[in-house]
N, C-alpha and C. Protein backbone atom coordinates (compact mmCIF):
# COMPACT_ATOMS: atom_id res chain seq x y z
N MET A 1 0.76 -1.40 -0.21
CA MET A 1 0.22 -0.08 -0.13
C MET A 1 0.99 1.42 0.39
N GLY A 2 0.86 2.14 -0.91
CA GLY A 2 1.49 3.10 -0.93
C GLY A 2 1.08 4.50 0.01
N LEU A 3 1.37 5.75 -0.33
CA LEU A 3 1.61 6.63 0.71
C LEU A 3 0.55 6.93 0.74
N ILE A 4 -0.23 7.54 -0.83
CA ILE A 4 -1.64 7.74 -0.99
C ILE A 4 -2.62 6.93 -0.44
N ASP A 5 -2.50 5.77 -0.48
CA ASP A 5 -3.35 4.79 -0.03
C ASP A 5 -3.30 4.92 1.18
N LYS A 6 -2.63 4.83 2.22
CA LYS A 6 -2.47 5.05 3.42
C LYS A 6 -3.10 5.85 4.31
N VAL A 7 -3.36 7.48 3.48
CA VAL A 7 -3.72 9.07 3.71
C VAL A 7 -5.09 8.82 3.38
N HIS A 8 -5.46 8.32 1.97
CA HIS A 8 -6.50 8.35 1.75
C HIS A 8 -7.57 7.49 3.10
N GLY A 9 -7.15 6.02 2.98
CA GLY A 9 -7.45 5.24 3.78
C GLY A 9 -8.01 5.65 5.19
N GLY A 10 -6.27 6.35 5.82
CA GLY A 10 -6.69 6.26 7.64
C GLY A 10 -7.02 7.78 7.43
N VAL A 11 -6.89 8.85 6.80
CA VAL A 11 -7.95 10.05 7.37
C VAL A 11 -9.20 10.38 6.31
N VAL A 12 -8.23 10.75 5.17
CA VAL A 12 -9.50 10.85 4.20
C VAL A 12 -10.73 10.15 3.89
N HIS A 13 -10.98 8.82 4.39
CA HIS A 13 -12.18 7.97 3.85
C HIS A 13 -12.71 8.49 5.37
N THR A 14 -11.95 8.14 6.28
CA THR A 14 -12.92 8.46 7.73
C THR A 14 -13.82 9.43 7.71
N ARG A 15 -12.82 10.10 7.52
CA ARG A 15 -13.93 12.02 7.51
C ARG A 15 -14.97 12.18 6.62
N ARG A 16 -14.94 11.27 5.61
CA ARG A 16 -15.83 11.54 4.53
C ARG A 16 -16.81 10.51 4.60
N VAL A 17 -16.86 9.57 5.05
CA VAL A 17 -18.12 8.78 5.51
C VAL A 17 -18.52 9.24 6.79
N ARG A 18 -18.09 9.76 7.84
CA ARG A 18 -18.65 10.93 8.71
C ARG A 18 -19.29 11.92 8.03
N VAL A 19 -19.12 12.68 7.67
CA VAL A 19 -19.68 13.63 6.97
C VAL A 19 -20.88 13.37 5.65
N LEU A 20 -20.80 12.39 4.98
CA LEU A 20 -21.65 11.70 4.35
C LEU A 20 -22.90 11.68 5.07
N ALA A 21 -22.50 10.88 6.62
CA ALA A 21 -23.63 10.42 7.31
C ALA A 21 -24.38 11.36 7.60
N ASP A 22 -23.35 12.36 8.19
CA ASP A 22 -24.26 13.83 8.69
C ASP A 22 -25.34 14.53 7.94
N ARG A 23 -24.95 14.47 6.29
CA ARG A 23 -25.23 15.46 5.30
C ARG A 23 -26.87 13.95 4.99
N ILE A 24 -26.56 13.10 4.61
CA ILE A 24 -27.79 12.18 4.03
C ILE A 24 -28.77 11.39 5.03
N ALA A 25 -28.33 11.44 6.40
CA ALA A 25 -29.24 11.03 7.67
C ALA A 25 -30.64 11.61 7.74
N PRO A 26 -30.42 12.86 7.35
CA PRO A 26 -31.77 13.72 7.51
C PRO A 26 -32.72 13.52 6.44
N LEU A 27 -32.30 12.67 5.53
CA LEU A 27 -33.04 12.92 4.16
C LEU A 27 -33.97 11.45 4.00
N PHE A 28 -33.81 10.82 4.69
CA PHE A 28 -34.95 9.54 4.91
C PHE A 28 -35.76 10.07 5.57
N PRO A 29 -37.22 9.29 5.05
CA PRO A 29 -38.46 9.63 5.97
C PRO A 29 -38.08 9.11 7.36
N GLN A 30 -39.56 9.19 8.11
CA GLN A 30 -39.06 8.54 9.36
C GLN A 30 -39.80 7.25 9.50
N GLY A 31 -38.46 6.16 10.17
CA GLY A 31 -39.13 4.48 9.77
C GLY A 31 -38.41 3.98 8.79
N ALA A 32 -38.37 4.64 7.55
CA ALA A 32 -37.65 4.44 6.45
C ALA A 32 -37.09 2.95 6.75
N ARG A 33 -37.54 1.94 5.89
CA ARG A 33 -36.54 1.11 5.50
C ARG A 33 -35.70 1.42 4.06
N VAL A 34 -34.34 1.29 4.19
CA VAL A 34 -33.62 1.87 3.35
C VAL A 34 -32.60 0.82 2.50
N LEU A 35 -32.66 0.77 0.80
CA LEU A 35 -31.43 -0.11 0.31
C LEU A 35 -30.67 0.57 -0.26
N ASP A 36 -28.95 0.21 0.35
CA ASP A 36 -27.97 0.94 0.02
C ASP A 36 -27.54 -0.10 -1.16
N ILE A 37 -27.59 0.97 -2.64
CA ILE A 37 -26.82 0.44 -3.83
C ILE A 37 -25.65 0.33 -3.79
N GLY A 38 -24.64 -0.62 -4.04
CA GLY A 38 -23.25 -0.28 -3.63
C GLY A 38 -22.94 0.32 -2.68
N CYS A 39 -23.01 -0.86 -1.56
CA CYS A 39 -22.79 -0.28 -0.17
C CYS A 39 -21.35 -0.29 0.37
N GLY A 40 -20.45 -0.89 -0.86
CA GLY A 40 -18.95 -1.31 -0.24
C GLY A 40 -19.00 -1.93 1.19
N ASP A 41 -18.87 -1.29 2.32
CA ASP A 41 -18.23 -2.27 3.18
C ASP A 41 -19.06 -1.78 4.44
N GLY A 42 -20.09 -0.55 3.80
CA GLY A 42 -21.20 -1.12 4.76
C GLY A 42 -20.94 0.00 5.99
N MET A 43 -20.22 1.02 6.11
CA MET A 43 -19.47 1.46 7.15
C MET A 43 -20.49 2.81 6.91
N LEU A 44 -20.74 3.31 5.58
CA LEU A 44 -21.92 4.74 5.95
C LEU A 44 -23.28 4.06 6.24
N ALA A 45 -23.80 3.28 5.77
CA ALA A 45 -25.01 2.32 6.66
C ALA A 45 -25.18 2.11 7.81
N LYS A 46 -24.02 1.95 8.29
CA LYS A 46 -24.19 1.50 9.78
C LYS A 46 -23.67 3.29 10.55
N LEU A 47 -23.18 4.15 10.00
CA LEU A 47 -23.56 5.36 10.52
C LEU A 47 -24.32 6.01 10.34
N LEU A 48 -25.47 5.90 9.08
CA LEU A 48 -26.59 6.25 9.20
C LEU A 48 -27.48 5.68 10.05
N MET A 49 -27.52 4.38 10.40
CA MET A 49 -28.44 4.12 11.36
C MET A 49 -28.08 4.37 12.49
N GLU A 50 -27.04 4.47 13.00
CA GLU A 50 -26.32 5.45 14.69
C GLU A 50 -27.18 6.65 14.29
N ARG A 51 -27.37 7.66 13.48
CA ARG A 51 -27.48 8.73 13.84
C ARG A 51 -29.26 8.82 13.65
N ARG A 52 -29.29 8.11 12.70
CA ARG A 52 -31.06 7.89 12.65
C ARG A 52 -31.77 6.07 12.88
N PRO A 53 -31.54 6.28 14.40
CA PRO A 53 -32.07 4.90 15.19
C PRO A 53 -33.20 4.27 14.68
N ASP A 54 -34.56 5.00 14.21
CA ASP A 54 -35.99 4.67 13.41
C ASP A 54 -35.51 3.94 11.82
N VAL A 55 -34.34 4.32 10.99
CA VAL A 55 -34.02 3.82 9.72
C VAL A 55 -33.38 2.58 9.80
N THR A 56 -33.66 1.31 9.02
CA THR A 56 -32.73 0.57 8.92
C THR A 56 -32.32 0.16 7.33
N VAL A 57 -30.87 0.09 7.19
CA VAL A 57 -30.45 0.16 6.15
C VAL A 57 -29.92 -1.61 5.85
N GLU A 58 -30.43 -1.69 4.40
CA GLU A 58 -29.76 -2.93 4.21
C GLU A 58 -28.71 -2.71 3.00
N GLY A 59 -27.96 -3.78 2.22
CA GLY A 59 -26.75 -3.46 1.29
C GLY A 59 -27.08 -4.54 0.18
N VAL A 60 -26.72 -4.04 -1.31
CA VAL A 60 -26.25 -4.66 -1.97
C VAL A 60 -25.16 -4.06 -2.64
N ASP A 61 -24.25 -5.16 -3.70
CA ASP A 61 -23.01 -5.05 -3.61
C ASP A 61 -22.58 -5.80 -5.05
N VAL A 62 -22.09 -5.31 -5.88
CA VAL A 62 -21.49 -6.36 -6.89
C VAL A 62 -20.41 -7.04 -6.55
N LEU A 63 -18.97 -5.92 -5.72
CA LEU A 63 -18.19 -7.02 -5.14
C LEU A 63 -18.74 -7.22 -3.42
N VAL A 64 -18.79 -8.33 -3.18
CA VAL A 64 -19.34 -8.02 -1.51
C VAL A 64 -18.26 -8.63 -0.97
N ARG A 65 -17.25 -7.73 -0.32
CA ARG A 65 -15.75 -7.59 0.78
C ARG A 65 -16.80 -8.63 2.11
N GLU A 66 -15.49 -9.44 2.71
CA GLU A 66 -15.47 -9.47 4.24
C GLU A 66 -15.17 -8.62 4.49
N GLY A 67 -16.00 -9.22 5.98
CA GLY A 67 -16.03 -7.87 7.43
C GLY A 67 -16.63 -6.87 7.58
N THR A 68 -17.97 -7.25 6.23
CA THR A 68 -18.83 -5.85 6.31
C THR A 68 -19.42 -5.45 7.32
N TYR A 69 -19.52 -4.16 7.72
CA TYR A 69 -20.42 -3.25 8.96
C TYR A 69 -21.71 -4.02 8.71
N ILE A 70 -22.59 -4.23 7.68
CA ILE A 70 -23.77 -4.81 7.69
C ILE A 70 -23.77 -5.64 6.74
N PRO A 71 -24.89 -6.41 6.99
CA PRO A 71 -25.05 -7.72 5.77
C PRO A 71 -25.30 -7.09 4.66
N VAL A 72 -24.26 -8.23 3.58
CA VAL A 72 -24.78 -7.37 2.26
C VAL A 72 -25.01 -8.52 1.23
N ARG A 73 -26.14 -8.15 0.36
CA ARG A 73 -26.05 -9.37 -0.49
C ARG A 73 -25.86 -8.74 -1.82
N PRO A 74 -25.13 -9.91 -2.85
CA PRO A 74 -24.82 -9.46 -4.05
C PRO A 74 -26.12 -9.10 -5.15
N PHE A 75 -25.31 -8.58 -6.03
CA PHE A 75 -26.43 -8.03 -7.40
C PHE A 75 -25.55 -7.99 -8.42
N ASP A 76 -26.45 -7.71 -10.06
CA ASP A 76 -25.42 -8.10 -11.08
C ASP A 76 -24.84 -6.66 -11.43
N GLY A 77 -25.21 -6.00 -10.51
CA GLY A 77 -25.30 -3.96 -11.43
C GLY A 77 -25.88 -3.72 -12.11
N LYS A 78 -27.37 -4.67 -12.23
CA LYS A 78 -28.15 -3.95 -13.13
C LYS A 78 -29.70 -4.17 -12.32
N ALA A 79 -29.95 -5.57 -11.74
CA ALA A 79 -31.24 -6.31 -11.52
C ALA A 79 -31.34 -6.49 -10.05
N ILE A 80 -31.98 -5.99 -8.98
CA ILE A 80 -32.01 -6.35 -7.96
C ILE A 80 -32.95 -7.30 -7.64
N ASP A 81 -33.04 -7.98 -7.06
CA ASP A 81 -34.26 -9.33 -6.40
C ASP A 81 -34.89 -9.04 -5.39
N SER A 82 -35.88 -7.99 -5.81
CA SER A 82 -36.44 -7.61 -4.68
C SER A 82 -37.72 -6.82 -5.20
N PRO A 83 -39.02 -7.09 -4.88
CA PRO A 83 -40.58 -6.77 -5.25
C PRO A 83 -40.80 -4.97 -5.37
N ASP A 84 -41.14 -5.04 -6.70
CA ASP A 84 -41.65 -3.08 -6.45
C ASP A 84 -42.01 -2.55 -5.21
N LYS A 85 -41.63 -1.45 -5.19
CA LYS A 85 -41.92 -1.06 -3.95
C LYS A 85 -41.73 -1.29 -2.07
N SER A 86 -40.60 -2.24 -2.31
CA SER A 86 -40.23 -2.95 -1.34
C SER A 86 -39.19 -2.05 0.30
N TYR A 87 -38.84 -0.51 -0.50
CA TYR A 87 -38.36 -0.02 0.38
C TYR A 87 -38.82 1.39 0.45
N ASP A 88 -38.52 1.75 1.31
CA ASP A 88 -39.07 3.48 1.66
C ASP A 88 -38.18 4.43 0.57
N ALA A 89 -37.08 4.20 0.79
CA ALA A 89 -35.75 4.90 0.19
C ALA A 89 -34.80 4.19 -0.29
N THR A 90 -34.25 4.41 -1.68
CA THR A 90 -33.05 3.82 -2.23
C THR A 90 -32.06 4.65 -2.09
N LEU A 91 -30.44 4.42 -2.01
CA LEU A 91 -29.54 5.19 -1.91
C LEU A 91 -28.24 4.66 -2.65
N PHE A 92 -27.72 5.83 -3.78
CA PHE A 92 -26.34 5.52 -4.28
C PHE A 92 -25.15 6.22 -3.49
N VAL A 93 -24.44 5.83 -2.98
CA VAL A 93 -23.17 7.06 -2.99
C VAL A 93 -21.90 6.78 -3.55
N ASP A 94 -21.91 7.34 -4.69
CA ASP A 94 -20.68 7.29 -5.48
C ASP A 94 -20.16 6.08 -6.23
N VAL A 95 -21.24 5.56 -6.72
CA VAL A 95 -21.53 4.34 -7.34
C VAL A 95 -22.12 4.34 -9.25
N LEU A 96 -22.95 5.51 -9.17
CA LEU A 96 -23.44 5.64 -10.32
C LEU A 96 -22.43 6.45 -11.79
N HIS A 97 -21.49 6.88 -11.49
CA HIS A 97 -20.10 6.85 -12.31
C HIS A 97 -19.54 5.29 -12.21
N HIS A 98 -19.46 4.59 -11.70
CA HIS A 98 -19.47 3.71 -12.09
C HIS A 98 -19.66 2.41 -12.99
N THR A 99 -21.05 2.89 -13.13
CA THR A 99 -21.93 1.85 -14.34
C THR A 99 -21.98 2.41 -15.96
N ASP A 100 -21.91 2.22 -16.58
CA ASP A 100 -21.89 2.22 -18.23
C ASP A 100 -22.92 3.25 -18.07
N ASP A 101 -24.26 2.93 -17.91
CA ASP A 101 -25.20 3.66 -18.31
C ASP A 101 -26.37 3.90 -16.43
N ALA A 102 -25.98 4.89 -16.13
CA ALA A 102 -26.77 5.42 -14.74
C ALA A 102 -28.24 5.25 -15.07
N ASN A 103 -28.75 5.39 -15.96
CA ASN A 103 -30.19 5.17 -16.24
C ASN A 103 -30.73 3.72 -15.65
N VAL A 104 -29.60 2.70 -15.99
CA VAL A 104 -30.42 1.88 -15.87
C VAL A 104 -30.64 1.66 -14.24
N LEU A 105 -29.65 1.99 -13.29
CA LEU A 105 -30.04 1.50 -12.01
C LEU A 105 -30.65 3.26 -11.47
N VAL A 106 -30.71 3.93 -12.24
CA VAL A 106 -31.55 4.82 -11.06
C VAL A 106 -33.01 3.87 -11.55
N ALA A 107 -33.71 3.95 -12.68
CA ALA A 107 -34.67 2.96 -13.31
C ALA A 107 -34.88 1.96 -11.70
N GLU A 108 -34.05 1.60 -11.60
CA GLU A 108 -34.01 0.10 -10.85
C GLU A 108 -34.65 0.79 -9.29
N ALA A 109 -34.29 1.46 -9.35
CA ALA A 109 -33.71 2.58 -7.28
C ALA A 109 -35.50 2.67 -7.46
N LYS A 110 -36.10 3.52 -8.82
CA LYS A 110 -37.24 4.17 -8.29
C LYS A 110 -38.02 2.87 -8.28
N ARG A 111 -37.88 1.82 -9.10
CA ARG A 111 -39.08 0.84 -9.00
C ARG A 111 -39.33 0.41 -7.56
N LEU A 112 -38.29 0.65 -6.87
CA LEU A 112 -38.09 -0.54 -5.85
C LEU A 112 -38.48 0.60 -4.45
N SER A 113 -38.30 2.10 -4.88
CA SER A 113 -38.48 2.81 -3.99
C SER A 113 -40.15 3.49 -3.72
N ARG A 114 -40.75 3.30 -2.12
CA ARG A 114 -42.01 4.39 -1.85
C ARG A 114 -42.19 5.87 -2.06
N ASN A 115 -40.96 6.12 -1.85
CA ASN A 115 -40.80 7.71 -0.82
C ASN A 115 -39.75 7.89 -2.12
N CYS A 116 -38.39 8.06 -2.01
CA CYS A 116 -37.37 8.52 -2.55
C CYS A 116 -35.82 7.91 -2.49
N VAL A 117 -35.62 8.57 -3.83
CA VAL A 117 -34.12 7.91 -4.28
C VAL A 117 -33.02 8.97 -4.12
N VAL A 118 -31.89 8.87 -2.57
CA VAL A 118 -31.00 9.73 -2.49
C VAL A 118 -29.72 9.13 -3.09
N ILE A 119 -29.17 10.13 -3.82
CA ILE A 119 -27.90 10.07 -4.46
C ILE A 119 -26.85 11.23 -3.95
N LYS A 120 -25.45 10.63 -3.82
CA LYS A 120 -24.34 11.19 -3.51
C LYS A 120 -23.41 10.48 -4.77
N ASP A 121 -23.16 11.89 -5.68
CA ASP A 121 -22.38 11.87 -6.77
C ASP A 121 -21.26 12.92 -6.96
N HIS A 122 -20.73 13.33 -8.26
CA HIS A 122 -20.21 14.46 -8.77
C HIS A 122 -20.71 14.86 -10.47
N THR A 123 -20.38 16.06 -10.32
CA THR A 123 -20.77 16.40 -11.45
C THR A 123 -19.81 17.33 -12.18
N ARG A 124 -19.68 16.40 -13.63
CA ARG A 124 -18.22 17.38 -14.16
C ARG A 124 -18.57 18.83 -14.67
N ASN A 125 -18.84 19.76 -13.85
CA ASN A 125 -18.38 21.28 -14.28
C ASN A 125 -17.37 21.47 -13.83
N GLY A 126 -16.78 22.34 -14.58
CA GLY A 126 -15.31 23.39 -14.17
C GLY A 126 -14.53 23.09 -14.61
N LEU A 127 -13.35 23.83 -14.26
CA LEU A 127 -12.13 23.84 -15.16
C LEU A 127 -11.16 22.52 -14.50
N LEU A 128 -10.83 21.50 -15.20
CA LEU A 128 -10.30 20.40 -14.77
C LEU A 128 -10.99 19.38 -13.92
N ALA A 129 -12.26 19.51 -13.79
CA ALA A 129 -13.52 18.33 -13.14
C ALA A 129 -12.83 17.40 -13.52
N GLY A 130 -12.67 16.89 -14.85
CA GLY A 130 -12.65 15.57 -15.39
C GLY A 130 -11.29 15.15 -14.85
N PRO A 131 -9.94 15.09 -15.37
CA PRO A 131 -8.95 14.67 -14.42
C PRO A 131 -8.68 14.54 -13.18
N THR A 132 -9.73 15.59 -11.96
CA THR A 132 -9.81 15.82 -10.87
C THR A 132 -10.41 14.09 -10.33
N LEU A 133 -11.70 13.98 -11.06
CA LEU A 133 -12.72 13.31 -10.56
C LEU A 133 -11.92 11.50 -10.99
N ARG A 134 -11.12 12.05 -12.06
CA ARG A 134 -10.74 10.34 -12.31
C ARG A 134 -9.67 9.96 -11.43
N PHE A 135 -8.51 10.68 -11.02
CA PHE A 135 -7.74 10.78 -9.85
C PHE A 135 -8.43 10.38 -8.40
N MET A 136 -9.45 11.05 -8.25
CA MET A 136 -9.94 10.94 -6.45
C MET A 136 -10.58 9.42 -7.11
N ASP A 137 -10.99 8.90 -8.42
CA ASP A 137 -11.78 7.51 -8.12
C ASP A 137 -10.71 6.52 -8.41
N ARG A 138 -9.46 7.12 -8.75
CA ARG A 138 -8.64 5.61 -9.08
C ARG A 138 -7.90 5.51 -7.30
N VAL A 139 -7.48 7.06 -6.37
CA VAL A 139 -7.04 6.85 -5.45
C VAL A 139 -8.35 5.93 -4.23
N GLY A 140 -9.27 6.37 -4.28
CA GLY A 140 -10.47 5.76 -3.59
C GLY A 140 -11.00 4.20 -4.13
N ASN A 141 -10.30 3.63 -5.34
CA ASN A 141 -11.22 2.23 -5.42
C ASN A 141 -10.63 1.20 -6.35
N ALA A 142 -9.24 1.88 -6.53
CA ALA A 142 -8.71 1.00 -7.65
C ALA A 142 -8.28 -0.17 -7.10
N ARG A 143 -7.83 0.04 -5.50
CA ARG A 143 -6.85 -1.28 -4.76
C ARG A 143 -8.67 -2.31 -4.54
N TYR A 144 -9.54 -2.05 -4.72
CA TYR A 144 -10.64 -3.16 -4.39
C TYR A 144 -11.26 -3.15 -5.67
N GLY A 145 -10.72 -3.01 -7.03
CA GLY A 145 -10.94 -3.76 -7.96
C GLY A 145 -12.23 -3.34 -8.52
N VAL A 146 -12.58 -2.10 -8.02
CA VAL A 146 -14.06 -1.77 -8.52
C VAL A 146 -13.62 -0.83 -10.02
N ALA A 147 -14.66 -0.86 -10.67
CA ALA A 147 -14.57 -0.99 -12.60
C ALA A 147 -14.84 0.71 -12.54
N LEU A 148 -13.24 1.41 -13.19
CA LEU A 148 -13.62 2.37 -13.23
C LEU A 148 -14.02 3.24 -14.89
N PRO A 149 -15.08 3.18 -15.01
CA PRO A 149 -15.07 3.80 -16.73
C PRO A 149 -15.19 5.29 -16.35
N TYR A 150 -15.03 6.01 -15.36
CA TYR A 150 -15.14 7.64 -15.16
C TYR A 150 -16.40 7.90 -15.77
N ASN A 151 -17.79 7.52 -15.87
CA ASN A 151 -18.98 8.02 -16.44
C ASN A 151 -19.24 9.25 -15.59
N TYR A 152 -18.86 10.33 -15.76
CA TYR A 152 -19.34 11.47 -15.05
C TYR A 152 -19.67 12.14 -15.36
N LEU A 153 -21.14 12.75 -15.15
CA LEU A 153 -21.82 13.67 -15.40
C LEU A 153 -22.14 14.61 -15.28
N SER A 154 -22.42 16.08 -16.28
CA SER A 154 -22.85 17.27 -15.88
C SER A 154 -24.03 17.52 -15.48
N LYS A 155 -23.71 18.75 -14.47
CA LYS A 155 -25.54 18.93 -13.84
C LYS A 155 -26.65 18.46 -14.73
N ALA A 156 -26.55 19.49 -15.88
CA ALA A 156 -27.59 19.31 -16.92
C ALA A 156 -27.84 17.81 -17.72
N GLU A 157 -26.89 16.91 -17.34
CA GLU A 157 -26.81 15.65 -17.90
C GLU A 157 -27.77 14.85 -16.56
N TRP A 158 -27.45 15.24 -15.40
CA TRP A 158 -28.33 14.51 -14.17
C TRP A 158 -29.53 15.60 -14.12
N ASP A 159 -29.63 16.73 -14.61
CA ASP A 159 -31.14 17.06 -14.35
C ASP A 159 -31.87 16.32 -15.60
N ALA A 160 -31.42 15.86 -16.97
CA ALA A 160 -32.30 15.68 -18.20
C ALA A 160 -32.54 13.81 -17.46
N LEU A 161 -30.95 13.64 -16.89
CA LEU A 161 -31.71 11.88 -16.41
C LEU A 161 -32.57 11.63 -15.52
N PHE A 162 -32.84 12.90 -14.52
CA PHE A 162 -33.90 12.63 -13.40
C PHE A 162 -35.60 13.19 -14.21
N ALA A 163 -35.28 13.73 -15.07
CA ALA A 163 -36.67 13.94 -15.73
C ALA A 163 -36.93 12.99 -16.49
N ARG A 164 -36.15 12.24 -17.13
CA ARG A 164 -36.54 10.86 -18.12
C ARG A 164 -37.17 9.70 -17.39
N GLN A 165 -36.32 10.05 -16.09
CA GLN A 165 -36.87 8.92 -15.16
C GLN A 165 -38.23 9.58 -14.08
N GLY A 166 -38.55 10.40 -14.29
CA GLY A 166 -39.91 11.03 -13.86
C GLY A 166 -39.47 11.53 -12.63
N LEU A 167 -38.22 11.71 -11.88
CA LEU A 167 -38.06 12.08 -10.42
C LEU A 167 -37.58 13.39 -10.13
N LYS A 168 -38.53 13.90 -9.02
CA LYS A 168 -38.55 15.27 -8.73
C LYS A 168 -37.42 15.66 -7.76
N VAL A 169 -36.37 16.88 -8.20
CA VAL A 169 -35.59 16.82 -7.42
C VAL A 169 -36.06 17.48 -6.30
N GLU A 170 -35.86 17.41 -4.95
CA GLU A 170 -36.54 18.10 -3.58
C GLU A 170 -35.08 18.69 -2.74
N HIS A 171 -34.10 17.83 -3.15
CA HIS A 171 -32.91 18.67 -2.39
C HIS A 171 -31.94 18.04 -3.35
N TRP A 172 -30.84 19.28 -3.10
CA TRP A 172 -29.65 19.49 -4.15
C TRP A 172 -28.59 20.32 -3.11
N GLU A 173 -27.69 19.62 -2.79
CA GLU A 173 -26.87 20.41 -1.79
C GLU A 173 -25.44 20.01 -2.98
N LYS A 174 -24.82 21.37 -2.81
CA LYS A 174 -23.33 20.90 -3.56
C LYS A 174 -21.56 21.43 -2.45
N ARG A 175 -21.93 21.43 -1.49
CA ARG A 175 -21.20 22.26 -0.51
C ARG A 175 -20.95 21.51 0.86
N LEU A 176 -20.44 20.16 0.27
CA LEU A 176 -20.33 19.17 1.34
C LEU A 176 -19.24 19.22 2.35
N GLY A 177 -18.43 19.41 2.60
CA GLY A 177 -17.30 19.76 3.24
C GLY A 177 -16.64 18.42 3.55
N LEU A 178 -16.36 17.43 1.95
CA LEU A 178 -15.83 16.43 2.41
C LEU A 178 -14.33 16.56 3.01
N TYR A 179 -14.05 17.38 2.57
CA TYR A 179 -12.26 17.86 3.29
C TYR A 179 -12.10 18.75 3.40
N PRO A 180 -10.65 18.57 4.35
CA PRO A 180 -10.37 19.91 5.70
C PRO A 180 -9.44 20.53 4.30
N TRP A 181 -9.32 21.79 4.71
CA TRP A 181 -8.59 22.88 3.39
C TRP A 181 -6.93 22.25 4.10
N PRO A 182 -5.97 22.10 2.97
CA PRO A 182 -5.92 22.93 1.51
C PRO A 182 -7.09 21.71 0.65
N ALA A 183 -7.04 20.88 0.93
CA ALA A 183 -7.70 19.45 0.22
C ALA A 183 -9.12 19.83 -0.41
N SER A 184 -9.85 20.40 -0.07
CA SER A 184 -11.00 21.05 -0.27
C SER A 184 -11.38 22.03 -1.53
N TRP A 185 -9.74 22.54 -1.61
CA TRP A 185 -9.70 23.87 -2.77
C TRP A 185 -9.61 22.80 -3.74
N LEU A 186 -8.66 21.44 -3.69
CA LEU A 186 -8.66 20.89 -4.79
C LEU A 186 -9.96 19.99 -5.38
N PHE A 187 -10.20 19.11 -4.31
CA PHE A 187 -11.29 18.30 -4.42
C PHE A 187 -12.33 18.20 -3.91
N GLY A 188 -12.93 19.30 -3.47
CA GLY A 188 -14.11 19.70 -3.04
C GLY A 188 -14.48 20.42 -4.55
N ARG A 189 -14.82 21.68 -4.07
CA ARG A 189 -15.32 23.13 -4.92
C ARG A 189 -16.30 22.68 -6.55
N GLY A 190 -17.57 22.04 -5.34
CA GLY A 190 -18.75 21.84 -6.21
C GLY A 190 -18.58 20.85 -6.94
N LEU A 191 -17.59 19.80 -6.91
CA LEU A 191 -17.36 18.45 -7.86
C LEU A 191 -18.53 17.40 -7.19
N HIS A 192 -19.05 17.73 -6.12
CA HIS A 192 -19.79 16.80 -5.26
C HIS A 192 -21.11 17.15 -5.02
N PHE A 193 -22.47 16.15 -5.06
CA PHE A 193 -23.39 16.61 -4.50
C PHE A 193 -24.07 15.70 -3.93
N VAL A 194 -24.91 15.92 -2.94
CA VAL A 194 -26.37 15.18 -2.80
C VAL A 194 -27.46 15.65 -3.11
N ALA A 195 -28.26 14.67 -3.71
CA ALA A 195 -29.66 14.70 -3.82
C ALA A 195 -30.53 13.90 -3.44
N ARG A 196 -31.65 14.41 -3.33
CA ARG A 196 -33.05 13.87 -2.76
C ARG A 196 -34.10 13.58 -3.79
N LEU A 197 -34.42 12.81 -4.10
CA LEU A 197 -35.47 12.75 -5.38
C LEU A 197 -36.59 11.97 -5.06
N GLY A 198 -37.81 12.92 -5.25
CA GLY A 198 -38.79 12.19 -4.90
C GLY A 198 -38.95 11.18 -6.02
N VAL A 199 -40.39 10.28 -5.75
CA VAL A 199 -40.56 9.64 -6.91
C VAL A 199 -42.03 9.55 -7.33
């Protein structure tokens, strides 16, 4: 493990997950049953349930890791073996840019959700946004064998995707405070968003 991996895993990742839990936890309805699609090690789901004891979070992932914080079941990256409207909310955290077509999974999340779809991802807007996002993706995911198609969307492309799926933006936040200064200047700067979408 190189120096960048050590710093990311020991400092950046821990802070990032904690901040995301704080930002995302208020977005779920009371008593919600949530499906975290692409949940990774499940640490975020665990923190969400700590912040919202009324909420339960289940996980699915293409790559099921050993020693996850919550039970995680496998899926093929496209279809999830659950009935329509079987969850109150579905959640994606930095998952959709790892797909070839985000529409497919967003449609599946909408099918499964009675109330909302919550997404944390990136916007490819601004000077050097693409190269910066690709660097962040490599550092955060390459060691886990995660697919890296670098499929980042602009804000306009996200809006078009949501419109195609019939999802209404109820909350959009782009200043998340994921990184301390000076890293925030390099890796924050409006490249991230959290959105709650009504179904």
